[in-house]
PDB file of N, CA and C in Angstrom:
ATOM      1  N   MET A   1     181.509  85.749 160.087  1.00  0.00           N
ATOM      2  CA  MET A   1     180.208  85.289 160.544  1.00  0.00           C
ATOM      3  C   MET A   1     179.355  84.934 159.333  1.00  0.00           C
ATOM      4  N   ASN A   2     178.722  83.787 159.396  1.00  0.00           N
ATOM      5  CA  ASN A   2     177.904  83.302 158.304  1.00  0.00           C
ATOM      6  C   ASN A   2     176.482  83.841 158.446  1.00  0.00           C
ATOM      7  N   ASN A   3     176.024  84.617 157.454  1.00  0.00           N
ATOM      8  CA  ASN A   3     174.687  85.204 157.497  1.00  0.00           C
ATOM      9  C   ASN A   3     173.647  84.377 156.757  1.00  0.00           C
ATOM     10  N   LEU A   4     174.061  83.223 156.207  1.00  0.00           N
ATOM     11  CA  LEU A   4     173.129  82.384 155.472  1.00  0.00           C
ATOM     12  C   LEU A   4     172.221  81.628 156.434  1.00  0.00           C
ATOM     13  N   LEU A   5     170.992  81.461 156.032  1.00  0.00           N
ATOM     14  CA  LEU A   5     170.065  80.664 156.831  1.00  0.00           C
ATOM     15  C   LEU A   5     170.329  79.194 156.569  1.00  0.00           C
ATOM     16  N   THR A   6     170.503  78.424 157.619  1.00  0.00           N
ATOM     17  CA  THR A   6     170.600  76.978 157.457  1.00  0.00           C
ATOM     18  C   THR A   6     169.182  76.441 157.315  1.00  0.00           C
ATOM     19  N   LYS A   7     169.065  75.188 156.895  1.00  0.00           N
ATOM     20  CA  LYS A   7     167.736  74.587 156.764  1.00  0.00           C
ATOM     21  C   LYS A   7     167.006  74.621 158.112  1.00  0.00           C
ATOM     22  N   HIS A   8     167.729  74.328 159.195  1.00  0.00           N
ATOM     23  CA  HIS A   8     167.118  74.358 160.531  1.00  0.00           C
ATOM     24  C   HIS A   8     166.651  75.772 160.877  1.00  0.00           C
ATOM     25  N   ASN A   9     167.495  76.774 160.654  1.00  0.00           N
ATOM     26  CA  ASN A   9     167.119  78.156 160.958  1.00  0.00           C
ATOM     27  C   ASN A   9     165.953  78.614 160.087  1.00  0.00           C
ATOM     28  N   PHE A  10     165.975  78.215 158.821  1.00  0.00           N
ATOM     29  CA  PHE A  10     164.882  78.588 157.933  1.00  0.00           C
ATOM     30  C   PHE A  10     163.574  78.004 158.434  1.00  0.00           C
ATOM     31  N   ASN A  11     163.604  76.729 158.868  1.00  0.00           N
ATOM     32  CA  ASN A  11     162.391  76.099 159.397  1.00  0.00           C
ATOM     33  C   ASN A  11     161.896  76.827 160.643  1.00  0.00           C
ATOM     34  N   GLN A  12     162.818  77.228 161.523  1.00  0.00           N
ATOM     35  CA  GLN A  12     162.429  77.986 162.710  1.00  0.00           C
ATOM     36  C   GLN A  12     161.808  79.320 162.319  1.00  0.00           C
ATOM     37  N   CYS A  13     162.413  79.987 161.365  1.00  0.00           N
ATOM     38  CA  CYS A  13     161.912  81.272 160.888  1.00  0.00           C
ATOM     39  C   CYS A  13     160.507  81.097 160.310  1.00  0.00           C
ATOM     40  N   GLU A  14     160.328  80.055 159.528  1.00  0.00           N
ATOM     41  CA  GLU A  14     159.037  79.793 158.900  1.00  0.00           C
ATOM     42  C   GLU A  14     157.953  79.506 159.952  1.00  0.00           C
ATOM     43  N   ILE A  15     158.287  78.718 160.964  1.00  0.00           N
ATOM     44  CA  ILE A  15     157.327  78.418 162.029  1.00  0.00           C
ATOM     45  C   ILE A  15     156.958  79.697 162.781  1.00  0.00           C
ATOM     46  N   CYS A  16     157.963  80.536 163.086  1.00  0.00           N
ATOM     47  CA  CYS A  16     157.679  81.809 163.759  1.00  0.00           C
ATOM     48  C   CYS A  16     156.760  82.674 162.908  1.00  0.00           C
ATOM     49  N   ALA A  17     156.988  82.695 161.602  1.00  0.00           N
ATOM     50  CA  ALA A  17     156.152  83.503 160.708  1.00  0.00           C
ATOM     51  C   ALA A  17     154.706  83.001 160.716  1.00  0.00           C
ATOM     52  N   TYR A  18     154.518  81.689 160.656  1.00  0.00           N
ATOM     53  CA  TYR A  18     153.164  81.137 160.711  1.00  0.00           C
ATOM     54  C   TYR A  18     152.520  81.430 162.063  1.00  0.00           C
ATOM     55  N   HIS A  19     153.299  81.301 163.141  1.00  0.00           N
ATOM     56  CA  HIS A  19     152.789  81.559 164.483  1.00  0.00           C
ATOM     57  C   HIS A  19     152.256  82.992 164.582  1.00  0.00           C
ATOM     58  N   GLU A  20     153.065  83.953 164.164  1.00  0.00           N
ATOM     59  CA  GLU A  20     152.635  85.361 164.238  1.00  0.00           C
ATOM     60  C   GLU A  20     151.476  85.636 163.299  1.00  0.00           C
ATOM     61  N   SER A  21     151.483  85.001 162.119  1.00  0.00           N
ATOM     62  CA  SER A  21     150.367  85.216 161.192  1.00  0.00           C
ATOM     63  C   SER A  21     149.065  84.692 161.788  1.00  0.00           C
ATOM     64  N   GLY A  22     149.146  83.633 162.594  1.00  0.00           N
ATOM     65  CA  GLY A  22     147.953  83.128 163.277  1.00  0.00           C
ATOM     66  C   GLY A  22     147.395  84.150 164.249  1.00  0.00           C
ATOM     67  N   HIS A  23     148.283  84.787 165.032  1.00  0.00           N
ATOM     68  CA  HIS A  23     147.825  85.845 165.932  1.00  0.00           C
ATOM     69  C   HIS A  23     147.154  86.968 165.137  1.00  0.00           C
ATOM     70  N   ILE A  24     147.792  87.365 164.042  1.00  0.00           N
ATOM     71  CA  ILE A  24     147.281  88.477 163.238  1.00  0.00           C
ATOM     72  C   ILE A  24     145.933  88.120 162.602  1.00  0.00           C
ATOM     73  N   LEU A  25     145.813  86.915 162.056  1.00  0.00           N
ATOM     74  CA  LEU A  25     144.558  86.486 161.435  1.00  0.00           C
ATOM     75  C   LEU A  25     143.424  86.466 162.458  1.00  0.00           C
ATOM     76  N   PHE A  26     143.672  85.876 163.607  1.00  0.00           N
ATOM     77  CA  PHE A  26     142.631  85.815 164.627  1.00  0.00           C
ATOM     78  C   PHE A  26     142.288  87.209 165.137  1.00  0.00           C
ATOM     79  N   ALA A  27     143.287  88.085 165.257  1.00  0.00           N
ATOM     80  CA  ALA A  27     143.021  89.472 165.668  1.00  0.00           C
ATOM     81  C   ALA A  27     142.096  90.141 164.645  1.00  0.00           C
ATOM     82  N   TYR A  28     142.402  89.959 163.370  1.00  0.00           N
ATOM     83  CA  TYR A  28     141.567  90.527 162.313  1.00  0.00           C
ATOM     84  C   TYR A  28     140.134  89.990 162.401  1.00  0.00           C
ATOM     85  N   LEU A  29     140.000  88.676 162.616  1.00  0.00           N
ATOM     86  CA  LEU A  29     138.675  88.069 162.713  1.00  0.00           C
ATOM     87  C   LEU A  29     137.901  88.578 163.930  1.00  0.00           C
ATOM     88  N   CYS A  30     138.615  89.049 164.940  1.00  0.00           N
ATOM     89  CA  CYS A  30     137.981  89.616 166.138  1.00  0.00           C
ATOM     90  C   CYS A  30     137.750  91.115 166.008  1.00  0.00           C
ATOM     91  N   GLY A  31     138.085  91.702 164.860  1.00  0.00           N
ATOM     92  CA  GLY A  31     137.842  93.117 164.629  1.00  0.00           C
ATOM     93  C   GLY A  31     139.000  94.029 164.979  1.00  0.00           C
ATOM     94  N   TYR A  32     140.177  93.458 165.223  1.00  0.00           N
ATOM     95  CA  TYR A  32     141.347  94.244 165.578  1.00  0.00           C
ATOM     96  C   TYR A  32     142.306  94.305 164.391  1.00  0.00           C
ATOM     97  N   SER A  33     143.412  95.005 164.562  1.00  0.00           N
ATOM     98  CA  SER A  33     144.420  95.076 163.512  1.00  0.00           C
ATOM     99  C   SER A  33     145.803  94.894 164.117  1.00  0.00           C
ATOM    100  N   CYS A  34     146.772  94.707 163.250  1.00  0.00           N
ATOM    101  CA  CYS A  34     148.158  94.523 163.688  1.00  0.00           C
ATOM    102  C   CYS A  34     148.929  95.807 163.415  1.00  0.00           C
ATOM    103  N   ARG A  35     149.603  96.299 164.434  1.00  0.00           N
ATOM    104  CA  ARG A  35     150.430  97.500 164.272  1.00  0.00           C
ATOM    105  C   ARG A  35     151.822  97.164 163.770  1.00  0.00           C
ATOM    106  N   GLU A  36     152.351  96.050 164.255  1.00  0.00           N
ATOM    107  CA  GLU A  36     153.741  95.701 163.931  1.00  0.00           C
ATOM    108  C   GLU A  36     153.933  94.204 164.160  1.00  0.00           C
ATOM    109  N   VAL A  37     154.769  93.615 163.337  1.00  0.00           N
ATOM    110  CA  VAL A  37     155.172  92.224 163.530  1.00  0.00           C
ATOM    111  C   VAL A  37     156.652  92.120 163.189  1.00  0.00           C
ATOM    112  N   GLN A  38     157.374  91.323 163.958  1.00  0.00           N
ATOM    113  CA  GLN A  38     158.813  91.165 163.700  1.00  0.00           C
ATOM    114  C   GLN A  38     159.235  89.723 163.904  1.00  0.00           C
ATOM    115  N   LEU A  39     160.092  89.265 163.015  1.00  0.00           N
ATOM    116  CA  LEU A  39     160.827  88.024 163.196  1.00  0.00           C
ATOM    117  C   LEU A  39     162.245  88.433 163.552  1.00  0.00           C
ATOM    118  N   ILE A  40     162.772  87.888 164.628  1.00  0.00           N
ATOM    119  CA  ILE A  40     164.082  88.316 165.128  1.00  0.00           C
ATOM    120  C   ILE A  40     165.037  87.135 165.114  1.00  0.00           C
ATOM    121  N   ASP A  41     166.142  87.288 164.381  1.00  0.00           N
ATOM    122  CA  ASP A  41     167.180  86.269 164.351  1.00  0.00           C
ATOM    123  C   ASP A  41     168.049  86.463 165.584  1.00  0.00           C
ATOM    124  N   GLU A  42     167.976  85.521 166.512  1.00  0.00           N
ATOM    125  CA  GLU A  42     168.727  85.625 167.759  1.00  0.00           C
ATOM    126  C   GLU A  42     170.229  85.407 167.552  1.00  0.00           C
ATOM    127  N   LYS A  43     170.602  84.892 166.379  1.00  0.00           N
ATOM    128  CA  LYS A  43     171.999  84.614 166.026  1.00  0.00           C
ATOM    129  C   LYS A  43     172.684  83.743 167.085  1.00  0.00           C
ATOM    130  N   ASN A  44     171.929  82.794 167.624  1.00  0.00           N
ATOM    131  CA  ASN A  44     172.477  81.818 168.553  1.00  0.00           C
ATOM    132  C   ASN A  44     171.671  80.532 168.429  1.00  0.00           C
ATOM    133  N   GLU A  45     171.893  79.593 169.340  1.00  0.00           N
ATOM    134  CA  GLU A  45     171.215  78.301 169.259  1.00  0.00           C
ATOM    135  C   GLU A  45     169.705  78.409 169.437  1.00  0.00           C
ATOM    136  N   ASN A  46     169.221  79.518 169.982  1.00  0.00           N
ATOM    137  CA  ASN A  46     167.778  79.701 170.147  1.00  0.00           C
ATOM    138  C   ASN A  46     167.080  79.993 168.830  1.00  0.00           C
ATOM    139  N   GLY A  47     167.834  80.373 167.806  1.00  0.00           N
ATOM    140  CA  GLY A  47     167.249  80.624 166.494  1.00  0.00           C
ATOM    141  C   GLY A  47     166.421  81.889 166.450  1.00  0.00           C
ATOM    142  N   PHE A  48     165.198  81.773 165.979  1.00  0.00           N
ATOM    143  CA  PHE A  48     164.328  82.924 165.771  1.00  0.00           C
ATOM    144  C   PHE A  48     163.303  83.068 166.885  1.00  0.00           C
ATOM    145  N   THR A  49     162.963  84.302 167.170  1.00  0.00           N
ATOM    146  CA  THR A  49     161.811  84.625 168.007  1.00  0.00           C
ATOM    147  C   THR A  49     160.970  85.610 167.201  1.00  0.00           C
ATOM    148  N   SER A  50     159.818  85.915 167.713  1.00  0.00           N
ATOM    149  CA  SER A  50     158.937  86.808 166.964  1.00  0.00           C
ATOM    150  C   SER A  50     157.934  87.454 167.912  1.00  0.00           C
ATOM    151  N   TYR A  51     157.317  88.509 167.411  1.00  0.00           N
ATOM    152  CA  TYR A  51     156.238  89.136 168.163  1.00  0.00           C
ATOM    153  C   TYR A  51     155.333  89.905 167.214  1.00  0.00           C
ATOM    154  N   ALA A  52     154.097  90.086 167.655  1.00  0.00           N
ATOM    155  CA  ALA A  52     153.136  90.912 166.931  1.00  0.00           C
ATOM    156  C   ALA A  52     152.519  91.881 167.929  1.00  0.00           C
ATOM    157  N   VAL A  53     152.361  93.125 167.514  1.00  0.00           N
ATOM    158  CA  VAL A  53     151.711  94.136 168.342  1.00  0.00           C
ATOM    159  C   VAL A  53     150.323  94.360 167.751  1.00  0.00           C
ATOM    160  N   ILE A  54     149.318  94.035 168.548  1.00  0.00           N
ATOM    161  CA  ILE A  54     147.936  94.118 168.093  1.00  0.00           C
ATOM    162  C   ILE A  54     147.297  95.409 168.600  1.00  0.00           C
ATOM    163  N   ASP A  55     146.538  96.063 167.729  1.00  0.00           N
ATOM    164  CA  ASP A  55     145.768  97.247 168.110  1.00  0.00           C
ATOM    165  C   ASP A  55     144.363  96.764 168.473  1.00  0.00           C
ATOM    166  N   TYR A  56     144.039  96.815 169.752  1.00  0.00           N
ATOM    167  CA  TYR A  56     142.751  96.329 170.239  1.00  0.00           C
ATOM    168  C   TYR A  56     141.641  97.372 170.135  1.00  0.00           C
ATOM    169  N   GLY A  57     141.945  98.519 169.577  1.00  0.00           N
ATOM    170  CA  GLY A  57     140.927  99.541 169.351  1.00  0.00           C
ATOM    171  C   GLY A  57     140.179  99.908 170.611  1.00  0.00           C
ATOM    172  N   LYS A  58     138.846  99.895 170.544  1.00  0.00           N
ATOM    173  CA  LYS A  58     138.011 100.298 171.675  1.00  0.00           C
ATOM    174  C   LYS A  58     138.147  99.354 172.868  1.00  0.00           C
ATOM    175  N   ASP A  59     138.725  98.176 172.658  1.00  0.00           N
ATOM    176  CA  ASP A  59     138.895  97.203 173.736  1.00  0.00           C
ATOM    177  C   ASP A  59     140.259  97.289 174.406  1.00  0.00           C
ATOM    178  N   SER A  60     141.038  98.311 174.058  1.00  0.00           N
ATOM    179  CA  SER A  60     142.406  98.430 174.583  1.00  0.00           C
ATOM    180  C   SER A  60     142.463  98.474 176.106  1.00  0.00           C
ATOM    181  N   TYR A  61     141.512  99.150 176.715  1.00  0.00           N
ATOM    182  CA  TYR A  61     141.543  99.283 178.171  1.00  0.00           C
ATOM    183  C   TYR A  61     141.398  97.923 178.844  1.00  0.00           C
ATOM    184  N   TYR A  62     140.374  97.150 178.446  1.00  0.00           N
ATOM    185  CA  TYR A  62     140.188  95.829 179.037  1.00  0.00           C
ATOM    186  C   TYR A  62     141.345  94.898 178.657  1.00  0.00           C
ATOM    187  N   ALA A  63     141.809  94.984 177.414  1.00  0.00           N
ATOM    188  CA  ALA A  63     142.926  94.132 176.985  1.00  0.00           C
ATOM    189  C   ALA A  63     144.151  94.386 177.851  1.00  0.00           C
ATOM    190  N   SER A  64     144.411  95.644 178.165  1.00  0.00           N
ATOM    191  CA  SER A  64     145.580  95.955 178.994  1.00  0.00           C
ATOM    192  C   SER A  64     145.392  95.412 180.412  1.00  0.00           C
ATOM    193  N   LYS A  65     144.179  95.405 180.910  1.00  0.00           N
ATOM    194  CA  LYS A  65     143.914  94.854 182.241  1.00  0.00           C
ATOM    195  C   LYS A  65     144.105  93.337 182.255  1.00  0.00           C
ATOM    196  N   PHE A  66     143.683  92.671 181.176  1.00  0.00           N
ATOM    197  CA  PHE A  66     143.869  91.217 181.095  1.00  0.00           C
ATOM    198  C   PHE A  66     145.345  90.843 181.022  1.00  0.00           C
ATOM    199  N   THR A  67     146.129  91.643 180.345  1.00  0.00           N
ATOM    200  CA  THR A  67     147.527  91.275 180.112  1.00  0.00           C
ATOM    201  C   THR A  67     148.508  91.861 181.111  1.00  0.00           C
ATOM    202  N   SER A  68     148.078  92.779 181.976  1.00  0.00           N
ATOM    203  CA  SER A  68     149.024  93.429 182.887  1.00  0.00           C
ATOM    204  C   SER A  68     149.319  92.610 184.126  1.00  0.00           C
ATOM    205  N   GLY A  69     148.325  91.963 184.679  1.00  0.00           N
ATOM    206  CA  GLY A  69     148.527  91.193 185.900  1.00  0.00           C
ATOM    207  C   GLY A  69     148.525  92.031 187.167  1.00  0.00           C
ATOM    208  N   ASP A  70     148.513  93.345 187.064  1.00  0.00           N
ATOM    209  CA  ASP A  70     148.530  94.221 188.233  1.00  0.00           C
ATOM    210  C   ASP A  70     147.116  94.391 188.782  1.00  0.00           C
ATOM    211  N   ASP A  71     146.836  93.824 189.932  1.00  0.00           N
ATOM    212  CA  ASP A  71     145.531  93.950 190.588  1.00  0.00           C
ATOM    213  C   ASP A  71     144.373  93.606 189.649  1.00  0.00           C
ATOM    214  N   THR A  72     144.584  92.670 188.755  1.00  0.00           N
ATOM    215  CA  THR A  72     143.576  92.327 187.754  1.00  0.00           C
ATOM    216  C   THR A  72     142.291  91.824 188.390  1.00  0.00           C
ATOM    217  N   VAL A  73     142.385  90.928 189.353  1.00  0.00           N
ATOM    218  CA  VAL A  73     141.186  90.353 189.954  1.00  0.00           C
ATOM    219  C   VAL A  73     140.355  91.440 190.633  1.00  0.00           C
ATOM    220  N   GLU A  74     141.004  92.287 191.367  1.00  0.00           N
ATOM    221  CA  GLU A  74     140.281  93.362 192.064  1.00  0.00           C
ATOM    222  C   GLU A  74     139.620  94.319 191.071  1.00  0.00           C
ATOM    223  N   PHE A  75     140.305  94.605 189.968  1.00  0.00           N
ATOM    224  CA  PHE A  75     139.732  95.483 188.937  1.00  0.00           C
ATOM    225  C   PHE A  75     138.421  94.902 188.413  1.00  0.00           C
ATOM    226  N   PHE A  76     138.431  93.632 188.029  1.00  0.00           N
ATOM    227  CA  PHE A  76     137.241  93.017 187.452  1.00  0.00           C
ATOM    228  C   PHE A  76     136.141  92.831 188.489  1.00  0.00           C
ATOM    229  N   ARG A  77     136.503  92.644 189.726  1.00  0.00           N
ATOM    230  CA  ARG A  77     135.528  92.499 190.799  1.00  0.00           C
ATOM    231  C   ARG A  77     134.701  93.779 190.964  1.00  0.00           C
ATOM    232  N   CYS A  78     135.309  94.921 190.707  1.00  0.00           N
ATOM    233  CA  CYS A  78     134.649  96.217 190.936  1.00  0.00           C
ATOM    234  C   CYS A  78     133.806  96.692 189.754  1.00  0.00           C
ATOM    235  N   LEU A  79     133.766  95.962 188.667  1.00  0.00           N
ATOM    236  CA  LEU A  79     133.003  96.387 187.492  1.00  0.00           C
ATOM    237  C   LEU A  79     131.508  96.163 187.693  1.00  0.00           C
ATOM    238  N   SER A  80     130.704  96.972 186.996  1.00  0.00           N
ATOM    239  CA  SER A  80     129.252  96.743 186.987  1.00  0.00           C
ATOM    240  C   SER A  80     128.979  95.488 186.155  1.00  0.00           C
ATOM    241  N   LEU A  81     127.762  94.979 186.252  1.00  0.00           N
ATOM    242  CA  LEU A  81     127.409  93.772 185.502  1.00  0.00           C
ATOM    243  C   LEU A  81     127.616  93.966 183.999  1.00  0.00           C
ATOM    244  N   GLY A  82     127.172  95.099 183.472  1.00  0.00           N
ATOM    245  CA  GLY A  82     127.344  95.374 182.041  1.00  0.00           C
ATOM    246  C   GLY A  82     128.806  95.413 181.639  1.00  0.00           C
ATOM    247  N   GLU A  83     129.631  96.027 182.481  1.00  0.00           N
ATOM    248  CA  GLU A  83     131.068  96.088 182.207  1.00  0.00           C
ATOM    249  C   GLU A  83     131.704  94.705 182.296  1.00  0.00           C
ATOM    250  N   LYS A  84     131.255  93.894 183.242  1.00  0.00           N
ATOM    251  CA  LYS A  84     131.780  92.531 183.371  1.00  0.00           C
ATOM    252  C   LYS A  84     131.451  91.715 182.126  1.00  0.00           C
ATOM    253  N   LEU A  85     130.226  91.848 181.622  1.00  0.00           N
ATOM    254  CA  LEU A  85     129.845  91.119 180.414  1.00  0.00           C
ATOM    255  C   LEU A  85     130.676  91.564 179.215  1.00  0.00           C
ATOM    256  N   GLU A  86     130.908  92.869 179.119  1.00  0.00           N
ATOM    257  CA  GLU A  86     131.755  93.387 178.040  1.00  0.00           C
ATOM    258  C   GLU A  86     133.184  92.865 178.183  1.00  0.00           C
ATOM    259  N   ALA A  87     133.703  92.864 179.413  1.00  0.00           N
ATOM    260  CA  ALA A  87     135.063  92.388 179.658  1.00  0.00           C
ATOM    261  C   ALA A  87     135.198  90.899 179.327  1.00  0.00           C
ATOM    262  N   ILE A  88     134.160  90.122 179.610  1.00  0.00           N
ATOM    263  CA  ILE A  88     134.182  88.686 179.277  1.00  0.00           C
ATOM    264  C   ILE A  88     134.330  88.501 177.775  1.00  0.00           C
ATOM    265  N   GLU A  89     133.597  89.285 176.990  1.00  0.00           N
ATOM    266  CA  GLU A  89     133.698  89.185 175.528  1.00  0.00           C
ATOM    267  C   GLU A  89     135.101  89.558 175.051  1.00  0.00           C
ATOM    268  N   VAL A  90     135.678  90.594 175.632  1.00  0.00           N
ATOM    269  CA  VAL A  90     137.050  90.977 175.271  1.00  0.00           C
ATOM    270  C   VAL A  90     138.005  89.841 175.633  1.00  0.00           C
ATOM    271  N   GLY A  91     137.821  89.248 176.800  1.00  0.00           N
ATOM    272  CA  GLY A  91     138.662  88.125 177.215  1.00  0.00           C
ATOM    273  C   GLY A  91     138.579  86.951 176.258  1.00  0.00           C
ATOM    274  N   ARG A  92     137.386  86.671 175.774  1.00  0.00           N
ATOM    275  CA  ARG A  92     137.212  85.585 174.793  1.00  0.00           C
ATOM    276  C   ARG A  92     137.953  85.893 173.501  1.00  0.00           C
ATOM    277  N   ARG A  93     137.858  87.146 173.062  1.00  0.00           N
ATOM    278  CA  ARG A  93     138.570  87.522 171.833  1.00  0.00           C
ATOM    279  C   ARG A  93     140.090  87.403 172.041  1.00  0.00           C
ATOM    280  N   LEU A  94     140.571  87.855 173.193  1.00  0.00           N
ATOM    281  CA  LEU A  94     142.010  87.756 173.477  1.00  0.00           C
ATOM    282  C   LEU A  94     142.467  86.307 173.496  1.00  0.00           C
ATOM    283  N   ALA A  95     141.679  85.433 174.103  1.00  0.00           N
ATOM    284  CA  ALA A  95     142.037  84.011 174.147  1.00  0.00           C
ATOM    285  C   ALA A  95     142.148  83.437 172.734  1.00  0.00           C
ATOM    286  N   ARG A  96     141.214  83.809 171.867  1.00  0.00           N
ATOM    287  CA  ARG A  96     141.274  83.334 170.475  1.00  0.00           C
ATOM    288  C   ARG A  96     142.547  83.821 169.788  1.00  0.00           C
ATOM    289  N   ILE A  97     142.880  85.079 170.017  1.00  0.00           N
ATOM    290  CA  ILE A  97     144.080  85.646 169.390  1.00  0.00           C
ATOM    291  C   ILE A  97     145.338  84.955 169.906  1.00  0.00           C
ATOM    292  N   PHE A  98     145.435  84.774 171.220  1.00  0.00           N
ATOM    293  CA  PHE A  98     146.625  84.144 171.785  1.00  0.00           C
ATOM    294  C   PHE A  98     146.765  82.707 171.292  1.00  0.00           C
ATOM    295  N   LEU A  99     145.662  81.974 171.208  1.00  0.00           N
ATOM    296  CA  LEU A  99     145.714  80.606 170.711  1.00  0.00           C
ATOM    297  C   LEU A  99     145.936  80.547 169.203  1.00  0.00           C
ATOM    298  N   GLY A 100     145.557  81.600 168.492  1.00  0.00           N
ATOM    299  CA  GLY A 100     145.701  81.616 167.034  1.00  0.00           C
ATOM    300  C   GLY A 100     147.117  81.367 166.566  1.00  0.00           C
ATOM    301  N   GLY A 101     148.095  81.872 167.289  1.00  0.00           N
ATOM    302  CA  GLY A 101     149.490  81.646 166.908  1.00  0.00           C
ATOM    303  C   GLY A 101     149.864  80.180 166.982  1.00  0.00           C
ATOM    304  N   SER A 102     149.491  79.532 168.074  1.00  0.00           N
ATOM    305  CA  SER A 102     149.801  78.115 168.237  1.00  0.00           C
ATOM    306  C   SER A 102     149.029  77.250 167.251  1.00  0.00           C
ATOM    307  N   VAL A 103     147.791  77.621 166.971  1.00  0.00           N
ATOM    308  CA  VAL A 103     146.989  76.871 166.008  1.00  0.00           C
ATOM    309  C   VAL A 103     147.631  76.949 164.625  1.00  0.00           C
ATOM    310  N   ALA A 104     148.010  78.150 164.199  1.00  0.00           N
ATOM    311  CA  ALA A 104     148.619  78.311 162.873  1.00  0.00           C
ATOM    312  C   ALA A 104     149.924  77.537 162.769  1.00  0.00           C
ATOM    313  N   ALA A 105     150.769  77.596 163.796  1.00  0.00           N
ATOM    314  CA  ALA A 105     152.040  76.857 163.779  1.00  0.00           C
ATOM    315  C   ALA A 105     151.790  75.349 163.766  1.00  0.00           C
ATOM    316  N   ALA A 106     150.795  74.886 164.533  1.00  0.00           N
ATOM    317  CA  ALA A 106     150.487  73.453 164.571  1.00  0.00           C
ATOM    318  C   ALA A 106     149.961  72.970 163.219  1.00  0.00           C
ATOM    319  N   VAL A 107     149.093  73.749 162.585  1.00  0.00           N
ATOM    320  CA  VAL A 107     148.589  73.378 161.253  1.00  0.00           C
ATOM    321  C   VAL A 107     149.749  73.327 160.265  1.00  0.00           C
ATOM    322  N   PHE A 108     150.639  74.315 160.311  1.00  0.00           N
ATOM    323  CA  PHE A 108     151.805  74.317 159.434  1.00  0.00           C
ATOM    324  C   PHE A 108     152.673  73.076 159.683  1.00  0.00           C
ATOM    325  N   ASN A 109     152.932  72.761 160.942  1.00  0.00           N
ATOM    326  CA  ASN A 109     153.768  71.600 161.278  1.00  0.00           C
ATOM    327  C   ASN A 109     153.144  70.281 160.847  1.00  0.00           C
ATOM    328  N   ASN A 110     151.824  70.257 160.670  1.00  0.00           N
ATOM    329  CA  ASN A 110     151.122  69.052 160.232  1.00  0.00           C
ATOM    330  C   ASN A 110     150.716  69.136 158.771  1.00  0.00           C
ATOM    331  N   ALA A 111     151.495  69.891 157.995  1.00  0.00           N
ATOM    332  CA  ALA A 111     151.311  70.006 156.546  1.00  0.00           C
ATOM    333  C   ALA A 111     149.885  70.421 156.179  1.00  0.00           C
ATOM    334  N   GLY A 112     149.281  71.270 157.000  1.00  0.00           N
ATOM    335  CA  GLY A 112     147.956  71.777 156.701  1.00  0.00           C
ATOM    336  C   GLY A 112     146.818  70.851 157.059  1.00  0.00           C
ATOM    337  N   ASN A 113     147.121  69.695 157.611  1.00  0.00           N
ATOM    338  CA  ASN A 113     146.089  68.725 157.961  1.00  0.00           C
ATOM    339  C   ASN A 113     145.457  69.104 159.297  1.00  0.00           C
ATOM    340  N   VAL A 114     144.200  69.530 159.248  1.00  0.00           N
ATOM    341  CA  VAL A 114     143.500  69.899 160.479  1.00  0.00           C
ATOM    342  C   VAL A 114     142.569  68.789 160.956  1.00  0.00           C
ATOM    343  N   GLN A 115     142.597  67.640 160.282  1.00  0.00           N
ATOM    344  CA  GLN A 115     141.731  66.518 160.651  1.00  0.00           C
ATOM    345  C   GLN A 115     142.375  65.597 161.677  1.00  0.00           C
ATOM    346  N   ILE A 116     143.529  65.992 162.225  1.00  0.00           N
ATOM    347  CA  ILE A 116     144.210  65.208 163.252  1.00  0.00           C
ATOM    348  C   ILE A 116     144.358  66.073 164.495  1.00  0.00           C
ATOM    349  N   PRO A 117     144.541  65.441 165.658  1.00  0.00           N
ATOM    350  CA  PRO A 117     144.797  66.253 166.854  1.00  0.00           C
ATOM    351  C   PRO A 117     146.050  67.093 166.636  1.00  0.00           C
ATOM    352  N   LEU A 118     145.950  68.366 166.927  1.00  0.00           N
ATOM    353  CA  LEU A 118     147.073  69.264 166.686  1.00  0.00           C
ATOM    354  C   LEU A 118     147.853  69.519 167.973  1.00  0.00           C
ATOM    355  N   PRO A 119     149.150  69.177 167.975  1.00  0.00           N
ATOM    356  CA  PRO A 119     149.957  69.529 169.152  1.00  0.00           C
ATOM    357  C   PRO A 119     150.109  71.040 169.206  1.00  0.00           C
ATOM    358  N   MET A 120     149.899  71.612 170.363  1.00  0.00           N
ATOM    359  CA  MET A 120     149.942  73.072 170.475  1.00  0.00           C
ATOM    360  C   MET A 120     150.873  73.498 171.587  1.00  0.00           C
ATOM    361  N   GLN A 121     151.586  74.566 171.348  1.00  0.00           N
ATOM    362  CA  GLN A 121     152.439  75.171 172.361  1.00  0.00           C
ATOM    363  C   GLN A 121     151.713  76.409 172.875  1.00  0.00           C
ATOM    364  N   ILE A 122     151.389  76.402 174.155  1.00  0.00           N
ATOM    365  CA  ILE A 122     150.755  77.564 174.764  1.00  0.00           C
ATOM    366  C   ILE A 122     151.854  78.336 175.448  1.00  0.00           C
ATOM    367  N   ASP A 123     152.171  79.504 174.886  1.00  0.00           N
ATOM    368  CA  ASP A 123     153.370  80.210 175.372  1.00  0.00           C
ATOM    369  C   ASP A 123     153.106  81.613 175.847  1.00  0.00           C
ATOM    370  N   TYR A 124     151.883  81.979 176.079  1.00  0.00           N
ATOM    371  CA  TYR A 124     151.644  83.325 176.581  1.00  0.00           C
ATOM    372  C   TYR A 124     151.277  83.268 178.047  1.00  0.00           C
TER     373      TYR A 124
END
């Protein structure tokens, strides 16, 4: 078995690294931190995948509600006005973090040029 990275695999690995770094950067800018990040060599035609585990700190409860999908609408419907406003802010931060990965990968794919429309993959 050949363990060397081909140019194609290296490019995939590099894009995954930029993608995850975008999530991490945006998380940091939103006041969160990264617990873990991994690039995974699938050792098949799919190439590399990756993930980042973000520590949402005091916003963990709302973040888990946004990402779980279990009775989410009913949960938010039952919140007080103050809680709803707080949850909206958490949702905005999460959206920035989720988009951060695609933004970073798109900027990388366009050689750092942010003055052009950036093609983005929305994958969450």
